[in-house]
Protein backbone atom coordinates (compact mmCIF):
# COMPACT_ATOMS: atom_id res chain seq x y z
CA MET A 1 0.00 0.00 0.00
CA ASP A 2 1.46 3.38 -1.03
CA GLU A 3 1.61 6.41 1.27
CA PHE A 4 -1.43 8.08 -0.32
CA SER A 5 -3.54 4.95 0.19
CA LYS A 6 -2.39 4.73 3.81
CA MET A 7 -3.43 8.33 4.36
CA GLU A 8 -6.83 7.69 2.79
CA LEU A 9 -7.34 4.65 5.01
CA MET A 10 -6.35 6.62 8.11
CA VAL A 11 -8.83 9.38 7.29
CA HIS A 12 -11.55 6.77 6.65
CA LEU A 13 -10.91 5.13 10.04
CA LYS A 14 -10.99 8.48 11.82
CA GLU A 15 -14.24 9.47 10.11
CA THR A 16 -15.81 6.12 11.02
CA ILE A 17 -14.87 6.61 14.67
CA LEU A 18 -16.11 10.22 14.65
CA ARG A 19 -19.45 9.39 13.00
CA ASN A 20 -20.14 6.77 15.67
CA LEU A 21 -19.09 9.29 18.32
CA ASP A 22 -21.57 11.72 16.79
CA LEU A 23 -24.35 9.15 17.04
CA LEU A 24 -23.67 8.59 20.73
CA LEU A 25 -23.51 12.30 21.40
CA SER A 26 -26.70 13.07 19.47
CA CYS A 27 -28.53 10.57 21.69
CA ASN A 28 -27.19 12.09 24.91
CA VAL A 29 -27.80 15.84 24.63
CA ILE A 30 -30.99 17.80 24.99
CA GLY A 31 -30.25 20.17 22.12
CA GLU A 32 -27.85 21.96 19.82
CA VAL A 33 -26.27 24.15 22.52
CA GLN A 34 -25.32 21.15 24.62
CA TYR A 35 -24.05 19.37 21.51
CA LYS A 36 -21.69 22.27 20.79
CA ASN A 37 -20.54 22.41 24.40
CA ARG A 38 -19.71 18.73 24.46
CA TYR A 39 -17.74 18.89 21.22
CA ASN A 40 -15.86 22.01 22.28
CA GLY A 41 -14.95 20.18 25.47
CA PHE A 42 -13.67 17.20 23.47
CA ASN A 43 -11.66 19.51 21.24
CA GLY A 44 -10.10 21.18 24.28
CA GLU A 45 -9.08 17.87 25.82
CA LEU A 46 -7.60 16.54 22.56
CA ALA A 47 -5.76 19.80 21.85
CA PHE A 48 -4.38 19.93 25.39
CA TYR A 49 -3.02 16.41 25.04
CA GLU A 50 -1.59 17.09 21.57
CA ASP A 51 -0.12 20.57 22.20
CA ILE A 52 1.05 20.28 25.80
CA VAL A 53 1.23 16.71 27.08
CA ARG A 54 2.73 15.00 24.02
CA ARG A 55 5.08 17.82 22.99
CA LYS A 56 6.48 18.20 26.49
CA GLY A 57 6.72 14.46 27.02
CA LEU A 58 4.60 14.56 30.19
CA THR A 59 3.57 11.39 31.98
CA THR A 60 -0.21 11.15 32.19
CA ARG A 61 -3.01 8.79 33.10
CA PRO A 62 -6.71 8.97 32.14
CA GLY A 63 -9.19 10.40 34.61
CA GLY A 64 -12.56 8.88 35.41
CA VAL A 65 -16.09 9.72 36.43
CA PHE A 66 -18.35 9.27 39.46
CA ILE A 67 -21.95 8.48 38.50
CA PRO A 68 -24.73 8.42 41.13
CA LEU A 69 -27.12 5.54 40.49
CA THR A 70 -30.06 7.57 41.75
CA SER A 71 -31.17 11.11 40.95
CA SER A 72 -28.99 13.34 43.12
CA SER A 73 -26.96 16.53 42.85
CA ASP A 74 -24.35 14.85 45.07
CA SER A 75 -22.09 13.05 42.61
CA PHE A 76 -20.71 10.75 45.32
CA TYR A 77 -24.09 9.59 46.64
CA ASN A 78 -24.84 5.95 45.84
CA SER A 79 -22.26 6.17 43.06
CA VAL A 80 -20.01 4.03 40.90
CA TYR A 81 -16.62 5.14 39.64
CA ILE A 82 -15.60 4.32 36.07
CA THR A 83 -12.31 4.75 34.24
CA LEU A 84 -10.74 3.56 30.98
CA SER A 85 -7.23 2.09 30.87
CA THR A 86 -5.08 0.16 28.43
CA ASN A 87 -3.04 -1.35 31.28
CA VAL A 88 -4.88 -2.90 34.22
CA ASN A 89 -1.53 -3.75 35.86
CA ASP A 90 -0.49 -0.11 36.15
CA GLU A 91 0.66 0.83 39.67
CA PHE A 92 -0.89 4.29 39.42
CA LEU A 93 -4.24 2.76 38.47
CA TYR A 94 -4.15 0.56 41.59
CA GLN A 95 -3.32 3.50 43.87
CA HIS A 96 -5.97 5.61 42.15
CA LEU A 97 -8.66 2.97 42.64
CA CYS A 98 -7.73 2.56 46.29
CA SER A 99 -8.24 6.29 46.80
CA VAL A 100 -11.65 6.46 45.10
CA ALA A 101 -13.09 3.17 46.35
CA ASP A 102 -14.46 4.66 49.58
CA LEU A 103 -16.19 7.45 47.64
CA ALA A 104 -17.89 5.09 45.18
CA SER A 105 -20.15 3.07 47.45
CA LYS A 106 -21.54 0.98 44.58
CA GLY A 107 -18.17 -0.03 43.17
CA ALA A 108 -15.26 1.05 41.00
CA PHE A 109 -14.94 -0.31 37.46
CA VAL A 110 -12.17 -0.27 34.85
CA PHE A 111 -12.88 -0.74 31.15
CA SER A 112 -9.78 -1.86 29.31
CA TYR A 113 -8.79 -2.68 25.73
CA ASN A 114 -5.75 -3.62 23.67
CA LYS A 115 -4.72 -0.42 21.89
CA THR A 116 -2.75 -2.40 19.27
CA GLU A 117 -5.86 -4.24 18.03
CA ALA A 118 -6.50 -3.37 14.39
CA PHE A 119 -9.83 -1.73 13.58
CA GLU A 120 -10.76 -4.46 11.08
CA GLU A 121 -10.66 -6.93 13.99
CA TRP A 122 -13.18 -4.97 16.06
CA ALA A 123 -16.55 -6.43 16.99
CA SER A 124 -19.75 -4.55 17.79
CA LEU A 125 -22.13 -3.88 20.65
CA ARG A 126 -25.84 -3.59 19.90
CA ALA A 127 -27.79 -0.83 21.61
CA ASP A 128 -31.49 -0.24 21.30
CA ILE A 129 -32.90 3.23 20.63
CA GLU A 130 -35.88 3.67 22.94
CA GLY A 131 -36.69 -0.01 22.46
CA LYS A 132 -37.87 0.57 18.87
CA GLU A 133 -34.76 0.11 16.74
CA PHE A 134 -31.17 -1.01 17.11
CA VAL A 135 -27.72 0.32 16.30
CA ASP A 136 -24.43 -1.58 16.26
CA LEU A 137 -21.50 0.35 17.72
CA PRO A 138 -17.98 -0.81 16.78
CA VAL A 139 -15.74 -1.72 19.74
CA PRO A 140 -12.50 -3.67 20.11
CA GLN A 141 -12.93 -7.41 20.65
CA SER A 142 -10.47 -6.94 23.50
CA LEU A 143 -12.76 -4.54 25.40
CA ARG A 144 -13.25 -5.87 28.93
CA VAL A 145 -14.59 -4.59 32.22
CA PHE A 146 -13.01 -5.21 35.63
CA LYS A 147 -14.39 -4.54 39.08
CA PHE A 148 -12.14 -3.31 41.88
CA GLU A 149 -12.97 -5.24 45.03
CA ASN A 150 -11.04 -6.44 48.05
CA GLY A 151 -8.06 -4.39 46.91
CA ALA A 152 -7.74 -6.06 43.51
CA LEU A 153 -9.17 -5.97 40.00
CA ALA A 154 -11.40 -8.92 39.10
CA LEU A 155 -12.55 -9.63 35.55
CA SER A 156 -16.25 -8.95 35.25
CA SER A 157 -18.60 -8.77 32.26
CA PHE A 158 -20.71 -6.13 30.56
CA GLN A 159 -23.86 -7.82 31.84
CA GLN A 160 -22.54 -7.93 35.41
CA PHE A 161 -21.73 -4.22 35.15
CA LEU A 162 -25.27 -3.50 33.94
CA ASN A 163 -26.74 -5.68 36.70
CA CYS A 164 -24.69 -3.88 39.34
CA THR A 165 -25.66 -0.41 38.14
CA GLY A 166 -29.21 -1.18 37.06
CA PHE A 167 -28.42 0.45 33.70
CA LYS A 168 -29.43 -0.70 30.22
CA PHE A 169 -27.38 -0.34 27.05
CA SER A 170 -30.12 1.78 25.58
CA LEU A 171 -30.13 5.18 23.88
CA LYS A 172 -32.57 8.01 23.52
CA LYS A 173 -33.74 8.98 20.04
CA PRO A 174 -31.03 11.14 18.38
CA ARG A 175 -31.63 14.88 18.52
CA PRO A 176 -32.01 16.67 15.17
CA ILE A 177 -28.58 18.29 14.87
CA PRO A 178 -27.93 20.26 11.63
CA ALA A 179 -25.79 18.32 9.16
CA SER A 180 -23.54 21.35 8.67
CA LEU A 181 -22.77 21.40 12.42
CA LYS A 182 -21.99 17.68 12.42
CA GLU A 183 -19.56 18.14 9.52
CA HIS A 184 -18.00 21.18 11.21
CA TYR A 185 -16.97 19.13 14.25
CA LEU A 186 -15.97 16.09 12.20
CA ASN A 187 -13.60 18.29 10.19
CA LYS A 188 -12.32 19.90 13.38
CA LEU A 189 -11.51 16.63 15.14
CA VAL A 190 -10.32 14.51 12.20
CA ASP A 191 -6.81 16.01 12.35
CA PHE A 192 -6.14 14.57 15.81
CA LYS A 193 -4.31 11.25 16.16
CA LEU A 194 -6.35 8.08 15.60
CA ALA A 195 -5.32 6.58 18.95
CA ASP A 196 -6.58 9.67 20.79
CA LEU A 197 -9.89 9.61 18.88
CA ILE A 198 -10.35 5.92 19.69
CA GLU A 199 -9.78 6.57 23.40
CA LEU A 200 -12.28 9.45 23.31
CA TYR A 201 -14.83 7.36 21.42
CA LEU A 202 -14.55 4.35 23.73
CA SER A 203 -14.93 6.57 26.79
CA ARG A 204 -18.21 7.80 25.27
CA VAL A 205 -19.33 4.22 24.47
CA ILE A 206 -19.02 3.63 28.20
CA LEU A 207 -20.45 6.90 29.49
CA ASP A 208 -23.02 7.62 26.75
CA GLY A 209 -23.79 4.00 25.91
CA PHE A 210 -23.64 1.85 29.03
CA CYS A 211 -24.50 4.87 31.21
CA SER A 212 -26.68 6.78 28.74
CA LEU A 213 -29.22 9.46 29.61
CA ARG A 214 -31.99 6.92 29.08
CA ASN A 215 -30.94 5.47 32.43
CA LYS A 216 -32.10 7.18 35.60
CA ARG A 217 -29.01 8.55 37.30
CA GLY A 218 -27.65 11.62 39.01
CA ALA A 219 -25.25 14.30 37.82
CA PRO A 220 -21.80 12.81 37.07
CA LEU A 221 -18.51 14.25 38.28
CA ASP A 222 -15.65 13.74 35.87
CA ILE A 223 -11.88 13.96 36.21
CA ASP A 224 -10.19 14.78 32.90
CA LEU A 225 -6.58 13.79 33.38
CA PHE A 226 -3.77 13.08 35.83
CA VAL A 227 -0.32 14.50 35.10
CA TYR A 228 2.84 13.56 36.97
CA SER A 229 4.85 16.56 38.21
CA GLU A 230 8.59 15.90 38.17
CA ARG A 231 9.14 18.99 40.30
CA LEU A 232 6.62 18.03 42.97
CA LYS A 233 7.19 14.28 42.56
CA ARG A 234 3.47 13.58 42.66
CA TRP A 235 0.39 13.26 40.47
CA THR A 236 -1.74 16.33 39.77
CA LEU A 237 -5.35 16.41 38.67
CA VAL A 238 -5.94 18.46 35.52
CA GLU A 239 -9.32 19.83 34.39
CA VAL A 240 -9.47 21.01 30.78
CA LYS A 241 -12.08 23.60 29.82
CA GLU A 242 -13.06 24.77 26.34
CA LYS A 243 -16.79 25.40 26.04
CA ASP A 244 -17.04 28.43 23.79
CA SER A 245 -14.62 27.76 20.93
CA GLU A 246 -16.26 27.39 17.52
């Protein structure tokens, strides 16, 4: 395959990931304003990682999110904690889970996948849309979920996660977002690295698929990123904000 063909394939893969991301997002916002805010937030996180973290060679780890399983403005009440990692044996991940376990009374979960798995080897997860139709979302065959209990990670299953949370892998009907706006954000995000787009997409499969707005839950509290400070010799929580950029 020549270089031009490789570039075409890369763009195709990115667009496939982004169009599935768009579907998830369209099913999990109440309107166009929220849609813009979510995408501007994604753009800010991706740009921060590209322009600051990668160029400076910083050591980072993904954040996570607390989700109350009942309607509550207290994000820690009756909550689960969820994070995404490509290495379940990471020492930081273990320490991180130990620190959040007491705050997440309903359990801490880690979704993990093999980042070297080729896209053509991916499988799919079927979600229903308000119980009337179905959509198949591409995911790595290697995608797994672990539960942190008794100080260790134990392999679980998607169904066990759903049973524990009471959630359903079910989406609301997509909101009518203008096609021009969809294309605007696709074109804006397609220049980021494929691996970063995959990580973003899979995090939304978890948070907007498994934990979609169709499920009754409280307001989530998310942690964007952890960065290791060489000067302070400790991990620092980073919150990235970009809600108004067009």
